[in-house]
Each structure stands twice: as structure tokens, then as C-alpha cells.
């Protein structure tokens, strides 16, 4: 039993230099929040979580869907344009990268039915 424990201790010490953890830049990258949802919700800064009446409320406050008085289909596309220019150690070599990402921020359908109208 002692030999097995000793083996795993030595193995752990041998593997330890190759182990990598997150750096501070990784923590900052993962802590950023990118607002999404319907265009109406993004324009109001996400305030529809309290107000309701918008399909993107479903993730923050499902009771906000009770404000709907009619059925609605929503589709919100988003486009992310990124451009990067860099040079390598004042050698005159430059790198350019352009990137376009098409996202679907929100797609959904809300069905309502009036049970009280005869």
C-alpha cells in the first residue's frame, strides 16, 4: 500500500510542471457579459426583465410573459464585425485579420389564447 501511495506521489510531482491553470486574462474574458435578446430588450438595457412583454424576458423572469395579449413571432439577427491590425517587433511585417460573425440573438414564438372570450 505504501508503494502505491509513493508511486502516485512521484507521478504527481513528475506531471506538475506540465499543468497549466487559468491566467488573469482568462478570468477577465470569461467574466464579460455580452447582452443579447431581442432588439427591443437590448435597446432598453435589459429592463424588460422587470417589465415583461418581451420574449427575451423568458430567461430572467418567466412571469413577464403573462403581459402578452396576442401571439407573436420574434427573430433577432446580430452581426459582429472584428478587424485586427498587428505588427511584429518593428520588422515592418504587418498582419491584418477581418472577421464577420452572424449570430441569432433571439428566435421564438409566443402563443396566447383568450379563455374568457365566449
N, C-alpha and C. Protein backbone atom coordinates (compact mmCIF):
# COMPACT_ATOMS: atom_id res chain seq x y z
N UNK A 1 0.83 -1.20 0.00
CA UNK A 1 0.00 0.00 0.00
C UNK A 1 0.87 1.26 0.00
N UNK A 2 1.96 1.20 0.78
CA UNK A 2 2.86 2.35 0.83
C UNK A 2 3.52 2.58 -0.53
N UNK A 3 3.81 1.49 -1.24
CA UNK A 3 4.44 1.61 -2.56
C UNK A 3 3.49 2.27 -3.56
N UNK A 4 2.19 1.96 -3.47
CA UNK A 4 1.21 2.55 -4.37
C UNK A 4 1.09 4.04 -4.10
N UNK A 5 1.01 4.43 -2.83
CA UNK A 5 0.91 5.85 -2.48
C UNK A 5 2.17 6.58 -2.93
N UNK A 6 3.34 5.98 -2.69
CA UNK A 6 4.60 6.57 -3.10
C UNK A 6 4.66 6.74 -4.62
N UNK A 7 4.15 5.77 -5.37
CA UNK A 7 4.11 5.85 -6.83
C UNK A 7 3.27 7.03 -7.30
N UNK A 8 2.08 7.22 -6.71
CA UNK A 8 1.21 8.32 -7.13
C UNK A 8 1.78 9.68 -6.72
N UNK A 9 2.49 9.74 -5.61
CA UNK A 9 3.13 11.00 -5.21
C UNK A 9 4.22 11.36 -6.22
N UNK A 10 5.06 10.40 -6.58
CA UNK A 10 6.12 10.64 -7.56
C UNK A 10 5.53 11.00 -8.92
N UNK A 11 4.46 10.31 -9.31
CA UNK A 11 3.80 10.61 -10.57
C UNK A 11 3.24 12.03 -10.57
N UNK A 12 2.64 12.44 -9.46
CA UNK A 12 2.11 13.80 -9.34
C UNK A 12 3.19 14.85 -9.43
N UNK A 13 4.34 14.59 -8.82
CA UNK A 13 5.46 15.54 -8.88
C UNK A 13 6.01 15.61 -10.31
N UNK A 14 6.04 14.50 -11.01
CA UNK A 14 6.56 14.48 -12.37
C UNK A 14 5.64 15.21 -13.34
N UNK A 15 4.34 15.14 -13.12
CA UNK A 15 3.36 15.75 -14.02
C UNK A 15 3.15 17.22 -13.71
N UNK A 16 3.48 17.65 -12.51
CA UNK A 16 3.18 19.01 -12.06
C UNK A 16 3.72 20.12 -12.96
N UNK A 17 4.93 20.06 -13.51
CA UNK A 17 5.39 21.17 -14.36
C UNK A 17 4.56 21.36 -15.63
N UNK A 18 3.89 20.35 -16.11
CA UNK A 18 3.12 20.49 -17.34
C UNK A 18 1.69 20.95 -17.10
N UNK A 19 1.28 21.10 -15.85
CA UNK A 19 -0.08 21.51 -15.53
C UNK A 19 -0.19 23.02 -15.69
N UNK A 20 -1.24 23.48 -16.36
CA UNK A 20 -1.45 24.91 -16.56
C UNK A 20 -2.79 25.29 -15.97
N UNK A 21 -2.84 26.45 -15.39
CA UNK A 21 -4.08 26.96 -14.82
C UNK A 21 -4.51 28.20 -15.61
N UNK A 22 -5.65 28.74 -15.25
CA UNK A 22 -6.12 29.95 -15.91
C UNK A 22 -5.27 31.13 -15.49
N UNK A 23 -5.09 32.04 -16.41
CA UNK A 23 -4.39 33.27 -16.09
C UNK A 23 -5.42 34.36 -15.81
N UNK A 24 -4.94 35.52 -15.43
CA UNK A 24 -5.85 36.63 -15.13
C UNK A 24 -6.63 37.05 -16.37
N UNK A 25 -5.99 36.99 -17.54
CA UNK A 25 -6.69 37.38 -18.77
C UNK A 25 -7.82 36.40 -19.10
N UNK A 26 -7.65 35.11 -18.78
CA UNK A 26 -8.72 34.15 -18.99
C UNK A 26 -9.90 34.44 -18.07
N UNK A 27 -9.62 34.82 -16.84
CA UNK A 27 -10.69 35.13 -15.89
C UNK A 27 -11.47 36.36 -16.36
N UNK A 28 -10.78 37.36 -16.87
CA UNK A 28 -11.47 38.56 -17.37
C UNK A 28 -12.30 38.22 -18.59
N UNK A 29 -11.77 37.39 -19.48
CA UNK A 29 -12.51 37.01 -20.68
C UNK A 29 -13.80 36.28 -20.33
N UNK A 30 -13.74 35.38 -19.37
CA UNK A 30 -14.93 34.61 -19.01
C UNK A 30 -15.92 35.41 -18.17
N UNK A 31 -15.48 36.52 -17.57
CA UNK A 31 -16.38 37.30 -16.74
C UNK A 31 -17.17 38.34 -17.52
N UNK A 32 -16.87 38.52 -18.80
CA UNK A 32 -17.58 39.52 -19.60
C UNK A 32 -18.95 38.99 -19.98
N UNK A 33 -19.91 39.88 -19.97
CA UNK A 33 -21.28 39.53 -20.34
C UNK A 33 -21.64 40.29 -21.60
N UNK A 34 -22.05 39.56 -22.59
CA UNK A 34 -22.47 40.18 -23.84
C UNK A 34 -23.98 40.12 -23.91
N UNK A 35 -24.60 41.30 -23.90
CA UNK A 35 -26.05 41.36 -23.88
C UNK A 35 -26.62 40.85 -25.19
N UNK A 36 -27.64 40.05 -25.10
CA UNK A 36 -28.31 39.54 -26.27
C UNK A 36 -29.81 39.62 -26.03
N UNK A 37 -30.56 39.05 -26.91
CA UNK A 37 -32.01 39.08 -26.78
C UNK A 37 -32.62 39.81 -27.95
N UNK A 38 -33.83 40.23 -27.78
CA UNK A 38 -34.49 40.97 -28.85
C UNK A 38 -33.91 42.37 -28.94
N UNK A 39 -34.09 43.01 -30.09
CA UNK A 39 -33.57 44.36 -30.27
C UNK A 39 -34.21 45.32 -29.28
N UNK A 40 -35.46 45.11 -28.98
CA UNK A 40 -36.16 45.96 -28.03
C UNK A 40 -35.56 45.84 -26.63
N UNK A 41 -35.23 44.63 -26.23
CA UNK A 41 -34.66 44.40 -24.91
C UNK A 41 -33.25 44.96 -24.80
N UNK A 42 -32.43 44.78 -25.84
CA UNK A 42 -31.07 45.31 -25.83
C UNK A 42 -31.10 46.83 -25.82
N UNK A 43 -32.03 47.44 -26.54
CA UNK A 43 -32.13 48.90 -26.57
C UNK A 43 -32.52 49.47 -25.22
N UNK A 44 -33.29 48.73 -24.46
CA UNK A 44 -33.71 49.18 -23.13
C UNK A 44 -32.73 48.75 -22.03
N UNK A 45 -31.61 48.14 -22.41
CA UNK A 45 -30.60 47.74 -21.44
C UNK A 45 -31.02 46.57 -20.58
N UNK A 46 -31.91 45.72 -21.08
CA UNK A 46 -32.35 44.56 -20.33
C UNK A 46 -33.40 44.85 -19.29
N UNK A 47 -34.02 46.03 -19.34
CA UNK A 47 -35.01 46.40 -18.34
C UNK A 47 -36.32 45.63 -18.46
N UNK A 48 -36.49 44.88 -19.54
CA UNK A 48 -37.73 44.14 -19.71
C UNK A 48 -37.80 42.93 -18.80
N UNK A 49 -36.72 42.60 -18.10
CA UNK A 49 -36.79 41.54 -17.11
C UNK A 49 -37.80 41.87 -16.03
N UNK A 50 -37.94 43.14 -15.71
CA UNK A 50 -38.92 43.57 -14.71
C UNK A 50 -40.25 43.95 -15.35
N UNK A 51 -40.22 44.49 -16.57
CA UNK A 51 -41.43 44.99 -17.20
C UNK A 51 -42.25 43.87 -17.84
N UNK A 52 -41.59 42.94 -18.48
CA UNK A 52 -42.30 41.87 -19.18
C UNK A 52 -42.74 42.31 -20.56
N UNK A 53 -43.48 41.45 -21.23
CA UNK A 53 -44.00 41.76 -22.55
C UNK A 53 -42.98 41.64 -23.67
N UNK A 54 -41.89 40.91 -23.44
CA UNK A 54 -40.86 40.72 -24.45
C UNK A 54 -40.36 39.28 -24.32
N UNK A 55 -40.09 38.64 -25.46
CA UNK A 55 -39.74 37.23 -25.44
C UNK A 55 -38.41 36.95 -24.74
N UNK A 56 -37.49 37.91 -24.76
CA UNK A 56 -36.21 37.68 -24.10
C UNK A 56 -36.33 37.70 -22.58
N UNK A 57 -37.49 38.05 -22.05
CA UNK A 57 -37.74 38.02 -20.61
C UNK A 57 -37.75 36.60 -20.07
N UNK A 58 -38.00 35.64 -20.94
CA UNK A 58 -38.16 34.25 -20.53
C UNK A 58 -36.99 33.74 -19.71
N UNK A 59 -35.78 34.16 -20.02
CA UNK A 59 -34.60 33.67 -19.29
C UNK A 59 -34.43 34.32 -17.93
N UNK A 60 -34.95 35.52 -17.72
CA UNK A 60 -34.77 36.19 -16.44
C UNK A 60 -36.02 36.18 -15.58
N UNK A 61 -37.18 36.35 -16.18
CA UNK A 61 -38.43 36.40 -15.43
C UNK A 61 -39.55 35.79 -16.27
N UNK A 62 -39.78 34.48 -16.15
CA UNK A 62 -40.80 33.84 -16.98
C UNK A 62 -42.21 34.40 -16.76
N UNK A 63 -42.49 34.96 -15.59
CA UNK A 63 -43.81 35.52 -15.33
C UNK A 63 -44.07 36.76 -16.18
N UNK A 64 -43.01 37.36 -16.74
CA UNK A 64 -43.17 38.53 -17.60
C UNK A 64 -43.89 38.21 -18.89
N UNK A 65 -43.98 36.93 -19.26
CA UNK A 65 -44.72 36.56 -20.46
C UNK A 65 -46.23 36.68 -20.26
N UNK A 66 -46.68 36.82 -19.02
CA UNK A 66 -48.10 36.98 -18.75
C UNK A 66 -48.66 38.29 -19.24
N UNK A 67 -47.82 39.23 -19.64
CA UNK A 67 -48.26 40.53 -20.12
C UNK A 67 -48.76 40.45 -21.56
N UNK A 68 -48.37 39.42 -22.29
CA UNK A 68 -48.77 39.29 -23.69
C UNK A 68 -50.28 39.21 -23.83
N UNK A 69 -50.80 39.94 -24.83
CA UNK A 69 -52.23 39.90 -25.13
C UNK A 69 -52.50 39.28 -26.49
N UNK A 70 -51.44 38.99 -27.24
CA UNK A 70 -51.58 38.38 -28.56
C UNK A 70 -50.34 37.56 -28.89
N UNK A 71 -50.49 36.66 -29.85
CA UNK A 71 -49.38 35.82 -30.25
C UNK A 71 -48.33 36.64 -31.00
N UNK A 72 -47.08 36.18 -30.92
CA UNK A 72 -46.01 36.93 -31.54
C UNK A 72 -44.86 36.00 -31.92
N UNK A 73 -44.28 36.23 -33.08
CA UNK A 73 -43.08 35.54 -33.52
C UNK A 73 -41.95 36.56 -33.56
N UNK A 74 -40.81 36.25 -32.98
CA UNK A 74 -39.68 37.17 -33.00
C UNK A 74 -38.44 36.48 -33.56
N UNK A 75 -37.66 37.25 -34.30
CA UNK A 75 -36.39 36.79 -34.84
C UNK A 75 -35.45 37.97 -34.82
N UNK A 76 -34.33 37.85 -34.10
CA UNK A 76 -33.38 38.94 -33.98
C UNK A 76 -32.00 38.47 -34.40
N UNK A 77 -31.56 38.84 -35.60
CA UNK A 77 -30.19 38.50 -36.01
C UNK A 77 -29.21 39.55 -35.48
N UNK A 78 -27.95 39.17 -35.40
CA UNK A 78 -26.90 40.10 -34.98
C UNK A 78 -25.67 39.84 -35.83
N UNK A 79 -24.92 40.89 -36.09
CA UNK A 79 -23.71 40.80 -36.88
C UNK A 79 -22.56 41.36 -36.07
N UNK A 80 -21.47 40.61 -35.99
CA UNK A 80 -20.30 41.03 -35.23
C UNK A 80 -19.13 41.16 -36.20
N UNK A 81 -18.67 42.40 -36.41
CA UNK A 81 -17.55 42.67 -37.28
C UNK A 81 -16.31 42.92 -36.43
N UNK A 82 -15.21 42.22 -36.71
CA UNK A 82 -13.97 42.40 -35.98
C UNK A 82 -12.83 42.59 -36.97
N UNK A 83 -11.99 43.56 -36.69
CA UNK A 83 -10.82 43.81 -37.53
C UNK A 83 -9.62 44.01 -36.62
N UNK A 84 -8.51 43.35 -36.94
CA UNK A 84 -7.31 43.44 -36.13
C UNK A 84 -6.11 43.73 -37.03
N UNK A 85 -5.28 44.68 -36.62
CA UNK A 85 -4.03 45.00 -37.29
C UNK A 85 -2.91 44.87 -36.27
N UNK A 86 -1.85 44.17 -36.63
CA UNK A 86 -0.73 43.98 -35.71
C UNK A 86 0.57 43.99 -36.49
N UNK A 87 1.65 44.38 -35.81
CA UNK A 87 2.98 44.33 -36.41
C UNK A 87 3.90 43.54 -35.49
N UNK A 88 4.91 42.90 -36.06
CA UNK A 88 5.79 42.02 -35.29
C UNK A 88 7.13 42.69 -35.00
N UNK A 89 7.32 43.17 -33.81
CA UNK A 89 8.62 43.64 -33.31
C UNK A 89 9.31 44.64 -34.23
N UNK A 90 8.59 45.58 -34.74
CA UNK A 90 9.14 46.64 -35.60
C UNK A 90 9.92 46.10 -36.79
N UNK A 91 9.50 44.99 -37.34
CA UNK A 91 10.18 44.41 -38.51
C UNK A 91 9.54 44.86 -39.81
N UNK A 92 8.47 45.58 -39.73
CA UNK A 92 7.79 46.01 -40.94
C UNK A 92 6.76 45.00 -41.43
N UNK A 93 6.69 43.87 -40.78
CA UNK A 93 5.71 42.85 -41.16
C UNK A 93 4.42 43.15 -40.40
N UNK A 94 3.34 43.27 -41.14
CA UNK A 94 2.06 43.54 -40.51
C UNK A 94 1.09 42.40 -40.80
N UNK A 95 0.21 42.20 -39.87
CA UNK A 95 -0.82 41.18 -40.00
C UNK A 95 -2.17 41.84 -39.92
N UNK A 96 -3.05 41.48 -40.82
CA UNK A 96 -4.41 42.01 -40.83
C UNK A 96 -5.38 40.84 -40.79
N UNK A 97 -6.41 40.99 -39.99
CA UNK A 97 -7.41 39.94 -39.90
C UNK A 97 -8.78 40.60 -39.78
N UNK A 98 -9.69 40.17 -40.60
CA UNK A 98 -11.07 40.66 -40.54
C UNK A 98 -11.98 39.47 -40.35
N UNK A 99 -12.97 39.65 -39.53
CA UNK A 99 -13.82 38.53 -39.15
C UNK A 99 -15.27 39.01 -39.07
N UNK A 100 -16.16 38.24 -39.65
CA UNK A 100 -17.59 38.52 -39.59
C UNK A 100 -18.27 37.32 -38.96
N UNK A 101 -19.04 37.57 -37.93
CA UNK A 101 -19.77 36.50 -37.28
C UNK A 101 -21.25 36.87 -37.28
N UNK A 102 -22.07 35.96 -37.76
CA UNK A 102 -23.52 36.16 -37.80
C UNK A 102 -24.13 35.35 -36.66
N UNK A 103 -24.89 36.00 -35.82
CA UNK A 103 -25.50 35.37 -34.66
C UNK A 103 -27.01 35.46 -34.74
N UNK A 104 -27.68 34.55 -34.07
CA UNK A 104 -29.12 34.66 -33.87
C UNK A 104 -29.32 34.91 -32.39
N UNK A 105 -29.57 36.17 -32.03
CA UNK A 105 -29.74 36.53 -30.63
C UNK A 105 -31.03 35.96 -30.06
N UNK A 106 -32.08 35.94 -30.86
CA UNK A 106 -33.35 35.51 -30.33
C UNK A 106 -34.22 35.00 -31.47
N UNK A 107 -34.86 33.88 -31.22
CA UNK A 107 -35.87 33.37 -32.13
C UNK A 107 -36.90 32.66 -31.27
N UNK A 108 -38.14 32.95 -31.50
CA UNK A 108 -39.16 32.31 -30.68
C UNK A 108 -40.57 32.69 -31.09
N UNK A 109 -41.51 31.99 -30.50
CA UNK A 109 -42.92 32.21 -30.78
C UNK A 109 -43.69 32.14 -29.47
N UNK A 110 -44.54 33.11 -29.25
CA UNK A 110 -45.41 33.12 -28.07
C UNK A 110 -46.83 32.95 -28.56
N UNK A 111 -47.52 31.94 -28.03
CA UNK A 111 -48.91 31.69 -28.39
C UNK A 111 -49.79 32.08 -27.22
N UNK A 112 -50.79 32.88 -27.51
CA UNK A 112 -51.74 33.26 -26.46
C UNK A 112 -53.14 32.85 -26.89
N UNK A 113 -53.96 32.56 -25.90
CA UNK A 113 -55.34 32.20 -26.16
C UNK A 113 -56.20 32.86 -25.11
N UNK A 114 -57.27 33.49 -25.54
CA UNK A 114 -58.17 34.17 -24.62
C UNK A 114 -59.24 33.17 -24.18
N UNK A 115 -59.16 32.71 -22.95
CA UNK A 115 -60.13 31.74 -22.42
C UNK A 115 -61.43 32.39 -21.95
N UNK A 116 -61.41 33.71 -21.77
CA UNK A 116 -62.58 34.39 -21.21
C UNK A 116 -63.50 34.98 -22.24
N UNK A 117 -63.13 34.94 -23.52
CA UNK A 117 -63.97 35.50 -24.57
C UNK A 117 -64.89 34.38 -25.10
N UNK A 118 -66.21 34.52 -24.93
CA UNK A 118 -67.12 33.45 -25.39
C UNK A 118 -67.23 33.35 -26.89
